Amino acid sequence: MADYSIISDISAYIVRMLRERMCPEPIPSPNNIDVSSPAEQDVDYILGLYLYDIREEGEIASGPMRTGRMRLKKAPRPYSLFYMLFINGSSQMGLKAHDIQKIIGRAAQILNDSNSISPNTLQTWLEYEEAPVILAPAKIALEEKVRVWSAINKPYQISLFYKAAPVFLSSEIVVETVPVREAVFTLAARGESLD
């Protein structure tokens, strides 16, 4: 299962994908797209990716998982990552409403077309094929979007909201098991007791 850096790896992957496909049109430079918070001041980028919530979705298994012949590992936990894609209001680029709509539209097109992220691509050392992380529009009401903006003391502006899930986060707890050295079996005929 993926290591703890998978959350950061997913964010970096989304930004890399946007940089590759949005530059030079409608955004002039890859440096104009970044992982950031809308609350940050004096930053000069146009499009920001903000991870605003991480929710644990429960356990996938109740007991430990076998990771080798004599090793058990605590089951991973699935998480959902919630992102906001926004236009930087403090950018010095002088964007007009038409430009903002083009940028938001192109970003939505890219994320909708490339909505499956393979953890094995992000963490090449993984031993087994991992389930893909699906990036989909977050189905949230306008009121919840306004609350996200209010939490960072910014007025609401047009933005895209996405959910990335399931993101499985592994445990570091590994238990070495003792190999079976001797097994005792007792057979009894029908009707006989084993005592």
N, C-alpha and C. Protein backbone atom coordinates (compact mmCIF):
# COMPACT_ATOMS: atom_id res chain seq x y z
N MET A 1 0.83 -1.18 0.00
CA MET A 1 0.00 0.00 0.00
C MET A 1 0.88 1.25 0.00
N ALA A 2 0.32 2.34 -0.46
CA ALA A 2 1.06 3.57 -0.64
C ALA A 2 1.58 4.14 0.68
N ASP A 3 2.72 4.80 0.61
CA ASP A 3 3.34 5.41 1.78
C ASP A 3 2.68 6.76 2.08
N TYR A 4 3.05 7.37 3.21
CA TYR A 4 2.42 8.61 3.67
C TYR A 4 2.52 9.76 2.67
N SER A 5 3.52 9.76 1.81
CA SER A 5 3.70 10.86 0.85
C SER A 5 2.70 10.81 -0.30
N ILE A 6 1.81 9.81 -0.34
CA ILE A 6 0.86 9.68 -1.44
C ILE A 6 -0.04 10.92 -1.54
N ILE A 7 -0.38 11.55 -0.43
CA ILE A 7 -1.23 12.74 -0.47
C ILE A 7 -0.52 13.86 -1.23
N SER A 8 0.72 14.12 -0.88
CA SER A 8 1.51 15.13 -1.57
C SER A 8 1.77 14.74 -3.02
N ASP A 9 1.99 13.44 -3.25
CA ASP A 9 2.25 12.95 -4.62
C ASP A 9 1.05 13.19 -5.53
N ILE A 10 -0.17 13.00 -5.01
CA ILE A 10 -1.37 13.22 -5.82
C ILE A 10 -1.50 14.70 -6.16
N SER A 11 -1.28 15.58 -5.19
CA SER A 11 -1.34 17.02 -5.45
C SER A 11 -0.32 17.42 -6.51
N ALA A 12 0.91 16.92 -6.38
CA ALA A 12 1.96 17.25 -7.35
C ALA A 12 1.60 16.72 -8.74
N TYR A 13 1.00 15.53 -8.80
CA TYR A 13 0.59 14.95 -10.08
C TYR A 13 -0.46 15.83 -10.78
N ILE A 14 -1.44 16.28 -10.02
CA ILE A 14 -2.50 17.12 -10.61
C ILE A 14 -1.90 18.41 -11.16
N VAL A 15 -1.02 19.05 -10.39
CA VAL A 15 -0.38 20.29 -10.84
C VAL A 15 0.48 20.02 -12.08
N ARG A 16 1.23 18.94 -12.08
CA ARG A 16 2.08 18.60 -13.24
C ARG A 16 1.24 18.39 -14.49
N MET A 17 0.11 17.70 -14.34
CA MET A 17 -0.78 17.45 -15.47
C MET A 17 -1.35 18.77 -16.00
N LEU A 18 -1.77 19.66 -15.11
CA LEU A 18 -2.30 20.96 -15.53
C LEU A 18 -1.22 21.79 -16.22
N ARG A 19 0.00 21.77 -15.67
CA ARG A 19 1.10 22.53 -16.28
C ARG A 19 1.40 22.04 -17.69
N GLU A 20 1.41 20.72 -17.87
CA GLU A 20 1.72 20.16 -19.19
C GLU A 20 0.68 20.50 -20.24
N ARG A 21 -0.59 20.60 -19.83
CA ARG A 21 -1.66 20.73 -20.82
C ARG A 21 -2.31 22.10 -20.89
N MET A 22 -1.95 23.01 -19.98
CA MET A 22 -2.56 24.35 -19.99
C MET A 22 -1.60 25.45 -20.44
N CYS A 23 -0.36 25.09 -20.67
CA CYS A 23 0.64 26.09 -21.04
C CYS A 23 1.15 25.81 -22.45
N PRO A 24 1.31 26.77 -23.29
CA PRO A 24 1.24 28.22 -23.05
C PRO A 24 -0.17 28.82 -23.22
N GLU A 25 -1.16 27.99 -23.50
CA GLU A 25 -2.52 28.52 -23.69
C GLU A 25 -3.50 27.69 -22.88
N PRO A 26 -4.27 28.22 -22.01
CA PRO A 26 -4.55 29.64 -21.76
C PRO A 26 -3.66 30.29 -20.70
N ILE A 27 -2.72 29.53 -20.10
CA ILE A 27 -1.81 30.10 -19.09
C ILE A 27 -0.41 30.14 -19.68
N PRO A 28 0.25 31.31 -19.64
CA PRO A 28 1.52 31.46 -20.35
C PRO A 28 2.68 30.59 -19.87
N SER A 29 2.79 30.34 -18.55
CA SER A 29 3.96 29.63 -18.04
C SER A 29 3.55 28.57 -17.02
N PRO A 30 4.27 27.43 -16.98
CA PRO A 30 3.99 26.42 -15.96
C PRO A 30 4.12 26.96 -14.53
N ASN A 31 4.97 27.99 -14.34
CA ASN A 31 5.13 28.58 -13.01
C ASN A 31 3.88 29.31 -12.55
N ASN A 32 2.93 29.52 -13.44
CA ASN A 32 1.69 30.20 -13.09
C ASN A 32 0.63 29.25 -12.53
N ILE A 33 0.99 27.98 -12.32
CA ILE A 33 0.08 26.98 -11.73
C ILE A 33 0.82 26.37 -10.54
N ASP A 34 0.17 26.37 -9.36
CA ASP A 34 0.89 25.89 -8.18
C ASP A 34 -0.06 25.33 -7.12
N VAL A 35 0.50 24.52 -6.21
CA VAL A 35 -0.22 24.09 -5.02
C VAL A 35 -0.14 25.26 -4.04
N SER A 36 -1.28 25.74 -3.63
CA SER A 36 -1.29 26.92 -2.77
C SER A 36 -2.63 27.05 -2.07
N SER A 37 -2.69 28.00 -1.16
CA SER A 37 -3.95 28.35 -0.49
C SER A 37 -4.38 29.73 -0.98
N PRO A 38 -5.66 29.95 -1.18
CA PRO A 38 -6.11 31.29 -1.57
C PRO A 38 -5.82 32.33 -0.48
N ALA A 39 -5.53 31.88 0.74
CA ALA A 39 -5.23 32.81 1.84
C ALA A 39 -3.82 33.39 1.76
N GLU A 40 -2.93 32.74 1.00
CA GLU A 40 -1.55 33.23 0.89
C GLU A 40 -1.54 34.56 0.15
N GLN A 41 -0.76 35.49 0.67
CA GLN A 41 -0.66 36.82 0.08
C GLN A 41 0.65 36.95 -0.70
N ASP A 42 0.67 37.89 -1.62
CA ASP A 42 1.89 38.24 -2.37
C ASP A 42 2.52 37.04 -3.08
N VAL A 43 1.70 36.22 -3.68
CA VAL A 43 2.20 35.12 -4.50
C VAL A 43 1.74 35.37 -5.93
N ASP A 44 2.62 35.12 -6.86
CA ASP A 44 2.30 35.46 -8.24
C ASP A 44 2.14 34.20 -9.09
N TYR A 45 0.98 33.61 -9.03
CA TYR A 45 0.59 32.51 -9.90
C TYR A 45 -0.83 32.80 -10.32
N ILE A 46 -1.31 32.08 -11.32
CA ILE A 46 -2.67 32.33 -11.81
C ILE A 46 -3.66 31.30 -11.28
N LEU A 47 -3.30 30.01 -11.40
CA LEU A 47 -4.20 28.92 -11.03
C LEU A 47 -3.62 28.19 -9.83
N GLY A 48 -4.43 28.04 -8.77
CA GLY A 48 -3.98 27.37 -7.56
C GLY A 48 -4.77 26.11 -7.28
N LEU A 49 -4.09 25.12 -6.71
CA LEU A 49 -4.72 23.88 -6.27
C LEU A 49 -4.61 23.86 -4.74
N TYR A 50 -5.76 23.83 -4.08
CA TYR A 50 -5.81 23.90 -2.62
C TYR A 50 -6.48 22.65 -2.06
N LEU A 51 -5.73 21.90 -1.26
CA LEU A 51 -6.28 20.73 -0.56
C LEU A 51 -6.94 21.25 0.71
N TYR A 52 -8.28 21.29 0.72
CA TYR A 52 -8.98 21.92 1.83
C TYR A 52 -9.56 20.92 2.83
N ASP A 53 -9.60 19.63 2.51
CA ASP A 53 -10.13 18.66 3.47
C ASP A 53 -9.61 17.26 3.14
N ILE A 54 -9.38 16.49 4.20
CA ILE A 54 -9.00 15.07 4.09
C ILE A 54 -9.94 14.32 5.03
N ARG A 55 -10.65 13.35 4.49
CA ARG A 55 -11.60 12.59 5.32
C ARG A 55 -11.26 11.11 5.30
N GLU A 56 -11.21 10.53 6.50
CA GLU A 56 -10.99 9.09 6.60
C GLU A 56 -12.31 8.40 6.31
N GLU A 57 -12.26 7.38 5.48
CA GLU A 57 -13.48 6.69 5.03
C GLU A 57 -13.70 5.35 5.72
N GLY A 58 -12.93 5.03 6.78
CA GLY A 58 -13.10 3.76 7.48
C GLY A 58 -12.01 2.78 7.09
N GLU A 59 -12.14 1.55 7.55
CA GLU A 59 -11.15 0.52 7.27
C GLU A 59 -11.63 -0.39 6.15
N ILE A 60 -10.68 -0.95 5.39
CA ILE A 60 -11.06 -1.88 4.33
C ILE A 60 -11.05 -3.32 4.82
N ALA A 61 -10.32 -3.58 5.90
CA ALA A 61 -10.25 -4.93 6.44
C ALA A 61 -10.13 -4.82 7.95
N SER A 62 -10.64 -5.82 8.65
CA SER A 62 -10.62 -5.73 10.11
C SER A 62 -9.32 -6.24 10.71
N GLY A 63 -8.65 -7.15 10.05
CA GLY A 63 -7.45 -7.74 10.60
C GLY A 63 -6.22 -7.39 9.79
N PRO A 64 -5.06 -7.87 10.24
CA PRO A 64 -3.82 -7.58 9.52
C PRO A 64 -3.77 -8.28 8.16
N MET A 65 -2.97 -7.71 7.26
CA MET A 65 -2.81 -8.27 5.91
C MET A 65 -1.44 -8.93 5.81
N ARG A 66 -1.36 -10.01 5.08
CA ARG A 66 -0.09 -10.70 4.88
C ARG A 66 0.71 -9.95 3.82
N THR A 67 1.99 -9.64 4.15
CA THR A 67 2.85 -8.94 3.20
C THR A 67 4.05 -9.78 2.79
N GLY A 68 4.14 -10.96 3.27
CA GLY A 68 5.23 -11.87 2.94
C GLY A 68 4.91 -13.21 3.58
N ARG A 69 5.85 -14.13 3.52
CA ARG A 69 5.57 -15.45 4.09
C ARG A 69 5.37 -15.40 5.59
N MET A 70 6.12 -14.51 6.28
CA MET A 70 6.03 -14.48 7.73
C MET A 70 5.85 -13.06 8.25
N ARG A 71 5.19 -12.21 7.47
CA ARG A 71 4.99 -10.82 7.90
C ARG A 71 3.52 -10.44 7.77
N LEU A 72 3.03 -9.76 8.77
CA LEU A 72 1.68 -9.22 8.76
C LEU A 72 1.77 -7.71 8.94
N LYS A 73 0.89 -7.00 8.27
CA LYS A 73 0.87 -5.55 8.36
C LYS A 73 -0.54 -5.09 8.67
N LYS A 74 -0.66 -4.08 9.50
CA LYS A 74 -1.95 -3.50 9.82
C LYS A 74 -2.62 -3.03 8.52
N ALA A 75 -3.92 -3.24 8.40
CA ALA A 75 -4.65 -2.89 7.18
C ALA A 75 -4.55 -1.40 6.89
N PRO A 76 -4.47 -1.02 5.61
CA PRO A 76 -4.42 0.40 5.26
C PRO A 76 -5.78 1.06 5.49
N ARG A 77 -5.76 2.37 5.56
CA ARG A 77 -7.00 3.12 5.74
C ARG A 77 -7.25 3.95 4.48
N PRO A 78 -8.50 3.94 4.01
CA PRO A 78 -8.83 4.75 2.83
C PRO A 78 -9.22 6.17 3.22
N TYR A 79 -8.76 7.12 2.44
CA TYR A 79 -9.08 8.52 2.65
C TYR A 79 -9.65 9.11 1.37
N SER A 80 -10.36 10.22 1.53
CA SER A 80 -10.81 11.04 0.41
C SER A 80 -10.15 12.40 0.55
N LEU A 81 -9.61 12.90 -0.55
CA LEU A 81 -8.97 14.21 -0.57
C LEU A 81 -9.90 15.17 -1.30
N PHE A 82 -10.11 16.35 -0.74
CA PHE A 82 -10.99 17.34 -1.34
C PHE A 82 -10.18 18.56 -1.76
N TYR A 83 -10.25 18.87 -3.04
CA TYR A 83 -9.46 19.96 -3.63
C TYR A 83 -10.36 21.07 -4.14
N MET A 84 -9.80 22.28 -4.09
CA MET A 84 -10.42 23.43 -4.74
C MET A 84 -9.40 23.96 -5.74
N LEU A 85 -9.85 24.15 -6.97
CA LEU A 85 -9.02 24.74 -8.02
C LEU A 85 -9.54 26.15 -8.21
N PHE A 86 -8.70 27.14 -8.03
CA PHE A 86 -9.15 28.53 -8.00
C PHE A 86 -8.21 29.44 -8.78
N ILE A 87 -8.72 30.61 -9.14
CA ILE A 87 -7.92 31.64 -9.79
C ILE A 87 -7.38 32.55 -8.68
N ASN A 88 -6.10 32.83 -8.72
CA ASN A 88 -5.47 33.66 -7.71
C ASN A 88 -5.92 35.11 -7.88
N GLY A 89 -6.68 35.61 -6.92
CA GLY A 89 -7.20 36.98 -7.00
C GLY A 89 -6.14 38.04 -6.83
N SER A 90 -5.00 37.70 -6.21
CA SER A 90 -3.95 38.70 -6.02
C SER A 90 -2.91 38.66 -7.14
N SER A 91 -3.15 37.85 -8.15
CA SER A 91 -2.20 37.77 -9.27
C SER A 91 -2.11 39.11 -9.98
N GLN A 92 -0.92 39.43 -10.43
CA GLN A 92 -0.69 40.70 -11.12
C GLN A 92 -0.92 40.58 -12.63
N MET A 93 -1.57 39.52 -13.07
CA MET A 93 -1.72 39.26 -14.50
C MET A 93 -2.85 40.07 -15.14
N GLY A 94 -3.70 40.70 -14.36
CA GLY A 94 -4.78 41.52 -14.91
C GLY A 94 -5.78 40.72 -15.73
N LEU A 95 -6.27 39.62 -15.18
CA LEU A 95 -7.20 38.76 -15.92
C LEU A 95 -8.59 39.37 -15.97
N LYS A 96 -9.23 39.22 -17.11
CA LYS A 96 -10.61 39.65 -17.27
C LYS A 96 -11.52 38.44 -17.04
N ALA A 97 -12.81 38.68 -16.87
CA ALA A 97 -13.78 37.60 -16.62
C ALA A 97 -13.72 36.55 -17.72
N HIS A 98 -13.55 36.97 -18.96
CA HIS A 98 -13.47 36.05 -20.10
C HIS A 98 -12.25 35.11 -19.94
N ASP A 99 -11.10 35.69 -19.53
CA ASP A 99 -9.88 34.89 -19.34
C ASP A 99 -10.07 33.87 -18.22
N ILE A 100 -10.70 34.30 -17.13
CA ILE A 100 -10.94 33.41 -15.99
C ILE A 100 -11.81 32.23 -16.40
N GLN A 101 -12.85 32.51 -17.16
CA GLN A 101 -13.74 31.44 -17.60
C GLN A 101 -13.03 30.46 -18.53
N LYS A 102 -12.15 30.95 -19.39
CA LYS A 102 -11.38 30.06 -20.26
C LYS A 102 -10.46 29.16 -19.44
N ILE A 103 -9.80 29.73 -18.46
CA ILE A 103 -8.88 28.96 -17.61
C ILE A 103 -9.63 27.90 -16.83
N ILE A 104 -10.73 28.28 -16.19
CA ILE A 104 -11.54 27.32 -15.42
C ILE A 104 -12.08 26.22 -16.33
N GLY A 105 -12.56 26.61 -17.51
CA GLY A 105 -13.10 25.62 -18.46
C GLY A 105 -12.05 24.63 -18.91
N ARG A 106 -10.85 25.11 -19.23
CA ARG A 106 -9.77 24.22 -19.67
C ARG A 106 -9.33 23.30 -18.54
N ALA A 107 -9.23 23.82 -17.32
CA ALA A 107 -8.84 22.99 -16.18
C ALA A 107 -9.87 21.88 -15.95
N ALA A 108 -11.16 22.22 -16.03
CA ALA A 108 -12.21 21.22 -15.86
C ALA A 108 -12.11 20.15 -16.94
N GLN A 109 -11.85 20.57 -18.17
CA GLN A 109 -11.72 19.62 -19.28
C GLN A 109 -10.58 18.64 -19.03
N ILE A 110 -9.44 19.15 -18.60
CA ILE A 110 -8.27 18.31 -18.35
C ILE A 110 -8.54 17.32 -17.22
N LEU A 111 -9.08 17.81 -16.11
CA LEU A 111 -9.33 16.93 -14.95
C LEU A 111 -10.41 15.89 -15.24
N ASN A 112 -11.39 16.26 -16.03
CA ASN A 112 -12.44 15.29 -16.39
C ASN A 112 -11.92 14.22 -17.35
N ASP A 113 -11.00 14.60 -18.24
CA ASP A 113 -10.44 13.64 -19.19
C ASP A 113 -9.39 12.73 -18.57
N SER A 114 -8.70 13.20 -17.55
CA SER A 114 -7.62 12.44 -16.91
C SER A 114 -7.98 12.21 -15.45
N ASN A 115 -9.02 11.45 -15.23
CA ASN A 115 -9.58 11.34 -13.89
C ASN A 115 -9.15 10.11 -13.10
N SER A 116 -8.18 9.35 -13.61
CA SER A 116 -7.71 8.16 -12.91
C SER A 116 -6.21 8.29 -12.65
N ILE A 117 -5.82 8.16 -11.39
CA ILE A 117 -4.43 8.31 -11.00
C ILE A 117 -3.94 6.99 -10.43
N SER A 118 -2.88 6.45 -10.98
CA SER A 118 -2.33 5.18 -10.51
C SER A 118 -1.29 5.42 -9.42
N PRO A 119 -1.52 4.92 -8.20
CA PRO A 119 -0.50 5.07 -7.14
C PRO A 119 0.83 4.44 -7.53
N ASN A 120 0.83 3.39 -8.36
CA ASN A 120 2.07 2.74 -8.78
C ASN A 120 2.92 3.66 -9.66
N THR A 121 2.27 4.57 -10.38
CA THR A 121 3.01 5.55 -11.18
C THR A 121 3.65 6.59 -10.27
N LEU A 122 2.97 6.94 -9.20
CA LEU A 122 3.48 7.96 -8.28
C LEU A 122 4.53 7.41 -7.32
N GLN A 123 4.36 6.16 -6.91
CA GLN A 123 5.30 5.51 -6.00
C GLN A 123 5.75 4.20 -6.64
N THR A 124 6.79 4.30 -7.43
CA THR A 124 7.23 3.18 -8.28
C THR A 124 7.75 1.98 -7.49
N TRP A 125 8.01 2.13 -6.21
CA TRP A 125 8.53 1.01 -5.40
C TRP A 125 7.44 0.09 -4.89
N LEU A 126 6.17 0.40 -5.13
CA LEU A 126 5.09 -0.44 -4.62
C LEU A 126 5.18 -1.84 -5.23
N GLU A 127 4.98 -2.85 -4.38
CA GLU A 127 5.13 -4.24 -4.81
C GLU A 127 3.97 -4.75 -5.66
N TYR A 128 2.76 -4.33 -5.33
CA TYR A 128 1.57 -4.84 -6.00
C TYR A 128 0.82 -3.72 -6.70
N GLU A 129 0.00 -4.09 -7.66
CA GLU A 129 -0.82 -3.11 -8.37
C GLU A 129 -1.88 -2.56 -7.42
N GLU A 130 -1.90 -1.25 -7.27
CA GLU A 130 -2.84 -0.58 -6.38
C GLU A 130 -4.10 -0.17 -7.14
N ALA A 131 -5.19 -0.04 -6.42
CA ALA A 131 -6.43 0.46 -7.02
C ALA A 131 -6.23 1.91 -7.43
N PRO A 132 -6.78 2.32 -8.57
CA PRO A 132 -6.59 3.71 -9.00
C PRO A 132 -7.35 4.68 -8.10
N VAL A 133 -6.79 5.88 -7.99
CA VAL A 133 -7.46 6.98 -7.29
C VAL A 133 -8.28 7.70 -8.34
N ILE A 134 -9.57 7.85 -8.10
CA ILE A 134 -10.47 8.50 -9.06
C ILE A 134 -10.65 9.96 -8.66
N LEU A 135 -10.42 10.83 -9.62
CA LEU A 135 -10.60 12.26 -9.43
C LEU A 135 -11.91 12.65 -10.09
N ALA A 136 -12.87 13.09 -9.28
CA ALA A 136 -14.21 13.41 -9.79
C ALA A 136 -14.70 14.72 -9.18
N PRO A 137 -15.56 15.44 -9.91
CA PRO A 137 -16.12 16.66 -9.32
C PRO A 137 -16.80 16.33 -8.00
N ALA A 138 -16.52 17.15 -6.98
CA ALA A 138 -17.15 16.97 -5.67
C ALA A 138 -18.58 17.50 -5.77
N LYS A 139 -19.50 16.67 -5.40
CA LYS A 139 -20.92 17.06 -5.49
C LYS A 139 -21.30 17.80 -4.20
N ILE A 140 -20.96 19.09 -4.18
CA ILE A 140 -21.26 19.90 -3.00
C ILE A 140 -22.08 21.12 -3.42
N ALA A 141 -22.90 21.58 -2.51
CA ALA A 141 -23.78 22.72 -2.78
C ALA A 141 -22.98 24.02 -2.72
N LEU A 142 -23.56 25.05 -3.30
CA LEU A 142 -22.93 26.37 -3.30
C LEU A 142 -22.65 26.85 -1.87
N GLU A 143 -23.54 26.54 -0.94
CA GLU A 143 -23.34 26.95 0.45
C GLU A 143 -22.05 26.37 1.03
N GLU A 144 -21.76 25.11 0.71
CA GLU A 144 -20.53 24.50 1.21
C GLU A 144 -19.31 25.13 0.55
N LYS A 145 -19.42 25.45 -0.73
CA LYS A 145 -18.31 26.14 -1.41
C LYS A 145 -18.04 27.49 -0.75
N VAL A 146 -19.10 28.22 -0.45
CA VAL A 146 -18.96 29.52 0.22
C VAL A 146 -18.31 29.35 1.58
N ARG A 147 -18.66 28.27 2.31
CA ARG A 147 -18.06 28.01 3.62
C ARG A 147 -16.56 27.76 3.51
N VAL A 148 -16.13 27.07 2.45
CA VAL A 148 -14.69 26.83 2.25
C VAL A 148 -13.97 28.17 2.09
N TRP A 149 -14.55 29.04 1.27
CA TRP A 149 -13.94 30.36 1.08
C TRP A 149 -13.98 31.17 2.37
N SER A 150 -15.07 31.10 3.11
CA SER A 150 -15.21 31.86 4.35
C SER A 150 -14.19 31.39 5.39
N ALA A 151 -13.88 30.10 5.40
CA ALA A 151 -12.93 29.55 6.38
C ALA A 151 -11.55 30.16 6.21
N ILE A 152 -11.23 30.65 5.02
CA ILE A 152 -9.92 31.29 4.79
C ILE A 152 -10.06 32.81 4.67
N ASN A 153 -11.22 33.32 5.13
CA ASN A 153 -11.48 34.76 5.15
C ASN A 153 -11.35 35.41 3.77
N LYS A 154 -11.89 34.74 2.78
CA LYS A 154 -11.90 35.29 1.42
C LYS A 154 -13.32 35.27 0.90
N PRO A 155 -13.69 36.26 0.08
CA PRO A 155 -15.02 36.22 -0.52
C PRO A 155 -15.08 35.12 -1.58
N TYR A 156 -16.25 34.54 -1.74
CA TYR A 156 -16.43 33.46 -2.71
C TYR A 156 -16.09 33.95 -4.12
N GLN A 157 -15.42 33.10 -4.88
CA GLN A 157 -15.21 33.33 -6.30
C GLN A 157 -15.37 32.00 -7.03
N ILE A 158 -15.60 32.10 -8.31
CA ILE A 158 -15.82 30.89 -9.10
C ILE A 158 -14.61 29.97 -8.97
N SER A 159 -14.87 28.70 -8.73
CA SER A 159 -13.80 27.72 -8.52
C SER A 159 -14.35 26.33 -8.78
N LEU A 160 -13.43 25.39 -8.94
CA LEU A 160 -13.80 23.99 -9.17
C LEU A 160 -13.48 23.18 -7.92
N PHE A 161 -14.34 22.23 -7.59
CA PHE A 161 -14.15 21.39 -6.41
C PHE A 161 -14.11 19.93 -6.85
N TYR A 162 -13.05 19.23 -6.41
CA TYR A 162 -12.85 17.83 -6.80
C TYR A 162 -12.58 16.96 -5.58
N LYS A 163 -12.94 15.69 -5.74
CA LYS A 163 -12.68 14.67 -4.72
C LYS A 163 -11.79 13.61 -5.34
N ALA A 164 -10.70 13.25 -4.65
CA ALA A 164 -9.81 12.17 -5.08
C ALA A 164 -9.95 11.03 -4.08
N ALA A 165 -10.40 9.86 -4.56
CA ALA A 165 -10.63 8.73 -3.65
C ALA A 165 -10.70 7.43 -4.44
N PRO A 166 -10.44 6.30 -3.83
CA PRO A 166 -9.89 6.14 -2.49
C PRO A 166 -8.37 6.28 -2.51
N VAL A 167 -7.84 6.92 -1.49
CA VAL A 167 -6.40 7.04 -1.31
C VAL A 167 -6.06 6.15 -0.12
N PHE A 168 -5.42 5.03 -0.39
CA PHE A 168 -5.09 4.08 0.67
C PHE A 168 -3.74 4.43 1.28
N LEU A 169 -3.74 4.61 2.57
CA LEU A 169 -2.53 4.97 3.30
C LEU A 169 -2.11 3.79 4.16
N SER A 170 -0.90 3.32 3.93
CA SER A 170 -0.41 2.13 4.63
C SER A 170 -0.06 2.43 6.08
N SER A 171 0.11 1.37 6.83
CA SER A 171 0.57 1.47 8.22
C SER A 171 2.04 1.08 8.26
N GLU A 172 2.76 1.61 9.24
CA GLU A 172 4.15 1.22 9.44
C GLU A 172 4.29 0.01 10.35
N ILE A 173 3.19 -0.40 10.96
CA ILE A 173 3.23 -1.50 11.92
C ILE A 173 3.33 -2.83 11.17
N VAL A 174 4.44 -3.52 11.36
CA VAL A 174 4.68 -4.83 10.75
C VAL A 174 4.93 -5.82 11.86
N VAL A 175 4.27 -6.96 11.80
CA VAL A 175 4.44 -8.01 12.81
C VAL A 175 5.09 -9.20 12.13
N GLU A 176 6.22 -9.63 12.68
CA GLU A 176 6.89 -10.82 12.18
C GLU A 176 6.25 -12.03 12.85
N THR A 177 5.81 -12.99 12.08
CA THR A 177 5.19 -14.18 12.64
C THR A 177 6.21 -15.30 12.77
N VAL A 178 5.96 -16.19 13.67
CA VAL A 178 6.87 -17.33 13.89
C VAL A 178 6.43 -18.46 12.97
N PRO A 179 7.37 -19.08 12.24
CA PRO A 179 6.98 -20.18 11.37
C PRO A 179 6.53 -21.40 12.17
N VAL A 180 5.61 -22.15 11.61
CA VAL A 180 5.12 -23.37 12.27
C VAL A 180 6.22 -24.42 12.14
N ARG A 181 6.65 -24.96 13.28
CA ARG A 181 7.72 -25.97 13.28
C ARG A 181 7.15 -27.38 13.41
N GLU A 182 6.01 -27.51 14.08
CA GLU A 182 5.45 -28.82 14.31
C GLU A 182 3.93 -28.71 14.35
N ALA A 183 3.27 -29.64 13.71
CA ALA A 183 1.82 -29.67 13.75
C ALA A 183 1.38 -31.05 14.21
N VAL A 184 0.37 -31.10 15.07
CA VAL A 184 -0.14 -32.37 15.59
C VAL A 184 -1.58 -32.50 15.14
N PHE A 185 -1.89 -33.62 14.49
CA PHE A 185 -3.25 -33.89 14.03
C PHE A 185 -3.73 -35.17 14.68
N THR A 186 -4.98 -35.19 15.04
CA THR A 186 -5.58 -36.39 15.63
C THR A 186 -6.79 -36.75 14.79
N LEU A 187 -6.87 -37.99 14.39
CA LEU A 187 -8.00 -38.47 13.60
C LEU A 187 -8.83 -39.42 14.44
N ALA A 188 -10.10 -39.36 14.28
CA ALA A 188 -10.97 -40.27 15.02
C ALA A 188 -12.01 -40.82 14.03
N ALA A 189 -12.36 -42.06 14.27
CA ALA A 189 -13.42 -42.67 13.43
C ALA A 189 -14.77 -42.11 13.86
N ARG A 190 -15.75 -42.24 13.02
CA ARG A 190 -17.09 -41.77 13.37
C ARG A 190 -17.58 -42.40 14.66
N GLY A 191 -18.10 -41.53 15.46
CA GLY A 191 -18.67 -42.01 16.70
C GLY A 191 -17.66 -42.09 17.85
N GLU A 192 -16.36 -42.04 17.57
CA GLU A 192 -15.36 -42.08 18.64
C GLU A 192 -15.12 -40.69 19.16
N SER A 193 -14.79 -40.61 20.40
CA SER A 193 -14.49 -39.33 21.02
C SER A 193 -12.99 -39.11 20.98
N LEU A 194 -12.56 -37.83 20.97
CA LEU A 194 -11.15 -37.50 20.87
C LEU A 194 -10.46 -37.34 22.24
N ASP A 195 -11.15 -37.53 23.36
CA ASP A 195 -10.51 -37.34 24.66
C ASP A 195 -9.81 -38.52 25.17
